[in-house]
Amino acid sequence: MSAADQDWDDGKPERLYVITRGRSGLAEQTTFDLVTLIVSRAQPAPTMQPEHAAILRICGSPLSVAEISAYLRLPMSAVTVLLADLLGEELIEARTRVPQAVLPERALLEAVIHGLQRL
């Protein structure tokens, strides 16, 4: 690894600015949360930004946004910008977490059980 590569990978703010093209993840954070699952729908193109290509490669199986952030060693704000780019181009699919089921009241369940037992 050359000295230039080492400087590029040290996580400086300038690197994040280049990766996101100066955009912040504030608008995209409403779309993605830590547990949103991402699945790639396409193979990376040779002309893609390296981070976009890396996301497409590692998301052959569903990965959460938090896992992608960890694998790429990038902050969530940068990852959400990259994911928004890919989602806009329909290169990935975002699957939101399954909402917790709203269960009926206990009294209703007991009444149904008693009714079934009488049959």
C-alpha atoms as a PDB file:
ATOM      1  CA  MET A   1       0.000   0.000   0.000  1.00  0.00           C
ATOM      2  CA  SER A   2       1.450   3.354  -1.008  1.00  0.00           C
ATOM      3  CA  ALA A   3       1.670   6.408   1.230  1.00  0.00           C
ATOM      4  CA  ALA A   4      -1.091   8.069  -0.794  1.00  0.00           C
ATOM      5  CA  ASP A   5      -3.411   5.116  -0.099  1.00  0.00           C
ATOM      6  CA  GLN A   6      -2.645   5.250   3.610  1.00  0.00           C
ATOM      7  CA  ASP A   7      -3.495   8.967   3.724  1.00  0.00           C
ATOM      8  CA  TRP A   8      -6.773   8.278   1.898  1.00  0.00           C
ATOM      9  CA  ASP A   9      -7.902   5.587   4.335  1.00  0.00           C
ATOM     10  CA  ASP A  10      -7.296   7.430   7.591  1.00  0.00           C
ATOM     11  CA  GLY A  11     -10.886   8.676   7.956  1.00  0.00           C
ATOM     12  CA  LYS A  12     -10.190  12.396   7.600  1.00  0.00           C
ATOM     13  CA  PRO A  13     -13.183  14.671   7.034  1.00  0.00           C
ATOM     14  CA  GLU A  14     -11.851  15.571   3.576  1.00  0.00           C
ATOM     15  CA  ARG A  15     -12.228  11.933   2.518  1.00  0.00           C
ATOM     16  CA  LEU A  16     -15.855  11.850   3.642  1.00  0.00           C
ATOM     17  CA  TYR A  17     -16.513  15.112   1.797  1.00  0.00           C
ATOM     18  CA  VAL A  18     -15.154  13.579  -1.409  1.00  0.00           C
ATOM     19  CA  ILE A  19     -17.055  10.308  -0.971  1.00  0.00           C
ATOM     20  CA  THR A  20     -20.393  12.058  -0.410  1.00  0.00           C
ATOM     21  CA  ARG A  21     -19.641  14.884  -2.852  1.00  0.00           C
ATOM     22  CA  GLY A  22     -20.239  17.362  -0.068  1.00  0.00           C
ATOM     23  CA  ARG A  23     -23.731  16.125   0.783  1.00  0.00           C
ATOM     24  CA  SER A  24     -24.841  15.319   4.293  1.00  0.00           C
ATOM     25  CA  GLY A  25     -26.932  12.362   5.369  1.00  0.00           C
ATOM     26  CA  LEU A  26     -29.572  14.438   7.139  1.00  0.00           C
ATOM     27  CA  ALA A  27     -32.258  14.081   4.454  1.00  0.00           C
ATOM     28  CA  GLU A  28     -31.472  10.419   3.881  1.00  0.00           C
ATOM     29  CA  GLN A  29     -31.609   9.462   7.567  1.00  0.00           C
ATOM     30  CA  THR A  30     -35.393   9.471   7.401  1.00  0.00           C
ATOM     31  CA  THR A  31     -35.247   6.687   4.803  1.00  0.00           C
ATOM     32  CA  PHE A  32     -32.651   4.469   6.478  1.00  0.00           C
ATOM     33  CA  ASP A  33     -32.220   3.496  10.092  1.00  0.00           C
ATOM     34  CA  LEU A  34     -29.654   1.187  11.673  1.00  0.00           C
ATOM     35  CA  VAL A  35     -31.667  -1.983  11.072  1.00  0.00           C
ATOM     36  CA  THR A  36     -32.927  -1.303   7.546  1.00  0.00           C
ATOM     37  CA  LEU A  37     -31.854  -4.270   5.428  1.00  0.00           C
ATOM     38  CA  ILE A  38     -30.139  -3.544   2.120  1.00  0.00           C
ATOM     39  CA  VAL A  39     -29.970  -6.017  -0.782  1.00  0.00           C
ATOM     40  CA  SER A  40     -28.196  -5.310  -4.050  1.00  0.00           C
ATOM     41  CA  ARG A  41     -30.218  -5.624  -7.238  1.00  0.00           C
ATOM     42  CA  ALA A  42     -27.301  -5.237  -9.657  1.00  0.00           C
ATOM     43  CA  GLN A  43     -23.625  -5.920 -10.075  1.00  0.00           C
ATOM     44  CA  PRO A  44     -21.165  -3.044  -9.719  1.00  0.00           C
ATOM     45  CA  ALA A  45     -20.127  -1.272 -12.917  1.00  0.00           C
ATOM     46  CA  PRO A  46     -16.438  -0.569 -13.593  1.00  0.00           C
ATOM     47  CA  THR A  47     -17.108   3.180 -13.707  1.00  0.00           C
ATOM     48  CA  MET A  48     -18.805   3.332 -10.293  1.00  0.00           C
ATOM     49  CA  GLN A  49     -17.484   5.137  -7.282  1.00  0.00           C
ATOM     50  CA  PRO A  50     -15.533   2.522  -5.246  1.00  0.00           C
ATOM     51  CA  GLU A  51     -17.787   2.851  -2.196  1.00  0.00           C
ATOM     52  CA  HIS A  52     -20.933   2.333  -4.277  1.00  0.00           C
ATOM     53  CA  ALA A  53     -19.375  -0.743  -5.872  1.00  0.00           C
ATOM     54  CA  ALA A  54     -18.359  -2.084  -2.458  1.00  0.00           C
ATOM     55  CA  ILE A  55     -21.919  -1.747  -1.170  1.00  0.00           C
ATOM     56  CA  LEU A  56     -23.280  -3.652  -4.167  1.00  0.00           C
ATOM     57  CA  ARG A  57     -20.686  -6.402  -3.700  1.00  0.00           C
ATOM     58  CA  ILE A  58     -21.249  -6.959   0.007  1.00  0.00           C
ATOM     59  CA  CYS A  59     -25.050  -6.749  -0.149  1.00  0.00           C
ATOM     60  CA  GLY A  60     -25.602  -9.917  -2.173  1.00  0.00           C
ATOM     61  CA  SER A  61     -27.229 -11.138   1.036  1.00  0.00           C
ATOM     62  CA  PRO A  62     -29.249  -8.712   3.149  1.00  0.00           C
ATOM     63  CA  LEU A  63     -27.135  -6.530   5.414  1.00  0.00           C
ATOM     64  CA  SER A  64     -28.269  -3.862   7.831  1.00  0.00           C
ATOM     65  CA  VAL A  65     -27.158  -0.274   7.384  1.00  0.00           C
ATOM     66  CA  ALA A  66     -25.146  -0.614  10.601  1.00  0.00           C
ATOM     67  CA  GLU A  67     -23.283  -3.642   9.195  1.00  0.00           C
ATOM     68  CA  ILE A  68     -22.534  -1.824   5.938  1.00  0.00           C
ATOM     69  CA  SER A  69     -21.192   1.118   7.921  1.00  0.00           C
ATOM     70  CA  ALA A  70     -18.945  -1.213   9.917  1.00  0.00           C
ATOM     71  CA  TYR A  71     -17.683  -3.149   6.879  1.00  0.00           C
ATOM     72  CA  LEU A  72     -16.869   0.033   4.962  1.00  0.00           C
ATOM     73  CA  ARG A  73     -15.506   1.768   8.069  1.00  0.00           C
ATOM     74  CA  LEU A  74     -17.563   4.839   7.270  1.00  0.00           C
ATOM     75  CA  PRO A  75     -19.895   6.839   9.516  1.00  0.00           C
ATOM     76  CA  MET A  76     -23.629   6.299   9.185  1.00  0.00           C
ATOM     77  CA  SER A  77     -24.117   9.775   7.712  1.00  0.00           C
ATOM     78  CA  ALA A  78     -21.812   8.963   4.784  1.00  0.00           C
ATOM     79  CA  VAL A  79     -23.322   5.497   4.280  1.00  0.00           C
ATOM     80  CA  THR A  80     -26.867   6.871   4.151  1.00  0.00           C
ATOM     81  CA  VAL A  81     -25.828   9.318   1.408  1.00  0.00           C
ATOM     82  CA  LEU A  82     -24.287   6.479  -0.606  1.00  0.00           C
ATOM     83  CA  LEU A  83     -27.323   4.258  -0.063  1.00  0.00           C
ATOM     84  CA  ALA A  84     -29.664   7.054  -1.149  1.00  0.00           C
ATOM     85  CA  ASP A  85     -27.670   7.338  -4.399  1.00  0.00           C
ATOM     86  CA  LEU A  86     -27.975   3.610  -5.055  1.00  0.00           C
ATOM     87  CA  LEU A  87     -31.649   3.517  -4.096  1.00  0.00           C
ATOM     88  CA  GLY A  88     -32.357   6.416  -6.438  1.00  0.00           C
ATOM     89  CA  GLU A  89     -30.753   4.465  -9.285  1.00  0.00           C
ATOM     90  CA  GLU A  90     -32.697   1.327  -8.226  1.00  0.00           C
ATOM     91  CA  LEU A  91     -29.472  -0.620  -7.724  1.00  0.00           C
ATOM     92  CA  ILE A  92     -30.416  -1.672  -4.193  1.00  0.00           C
ATOM     93  CA  GLU A  93     -33.583  -2.613  -2.362  1.00  0.00           C
ATOM     94  CA  ALA A  94     -34.213  -1.321   1.154  1.00  0.00           C
ATOM     95  CA  ARG A  95     -36.313  -3.504   3.429  1.00  0.00           C
ATOM     96  CA  THR A  96     -37.543  -1.801   6.540  1.00  0.00           C
ATOM     97  CA  ARG A  97     -37.782  -3.718   9.748  1.00  0.00           C
ATOM     98  CA  VAL A  98     -40.966  -5.587  10.451  1.00  0.00           C
ATOM     99  CA  PRO A  99     -43.099  -3.501  12.802  1.00  0.00           C
ATOM    100  CA  GLN A 100     -43.986  -5.039  16.128  1.00  0.00           C
ATOM    101  CA  ALA A 101     -47.388  -6.655  15.951  1.00  0.00           C
ATOM    102  CA  VAL A 102     -50.222  -5.006  17.788  1.00  0.00           C
ATOM    103  CA  LEU A 103     -51.845  -7.748  19.809  1.00  0.00           C
ATOM    104  CA  PRO A 104     -55.469  -7.681  20.906  1.00  0.00           C
ATOM    105  CA  GLU A 105     -56.287  -7.243  24.542  1.00  0.00           C
ATOM    106  CA  ARG A 106     -55.880 -10.235  26.812  1.00  0.00           C
ATOM    107  CA  ALA A 107     -59.596 -10.250  27.728  1.00  0.00           C
ATOM    108  CA  LEU A 108     -60.559 -10.627  24.062  1.00  0.00           C
ATOM    109  CA  LEU A 109     -58.162 -13.548  23.597  1.00  0.00           C
ATOM    110  CA  GLU A 110     -59.511 -15.275  26.699  1.00  0.00           C
ATOM    111  CA  ALA A 111     -63.086 -14.810  25.483  1.00  0.00           C
ATOM    112  CA  VAL A 112     -62.201 -16.374  22.125  1.00  0.00           C
ATOM    113  CA  ILE A 113     -60.468 -19.300  23.832  1.00  0.00           C
ATOM    114  CA  HIS A 114     -63.469 -19.908  26.121  1.00  0.00           C
ATOM    115  CA  GLY A 115     -65.811 -19.688  23.146  1.00  0.00           C
ATOM    116  CA  LEU A 116     -63.761 -22.260  21.224  1.00  0.00           C
ATOM    117  CA  GLN A 117     -63.639 -24.592  24.232  1.00  0.00           C
ATOM    118  CA  ARG A 118     -67.457 -24.582  24.426  1.00  0.00           C
ATOM    119  CA  LEU A 119     -67.765 -25.818  20.856  1.00  0.00           C
END
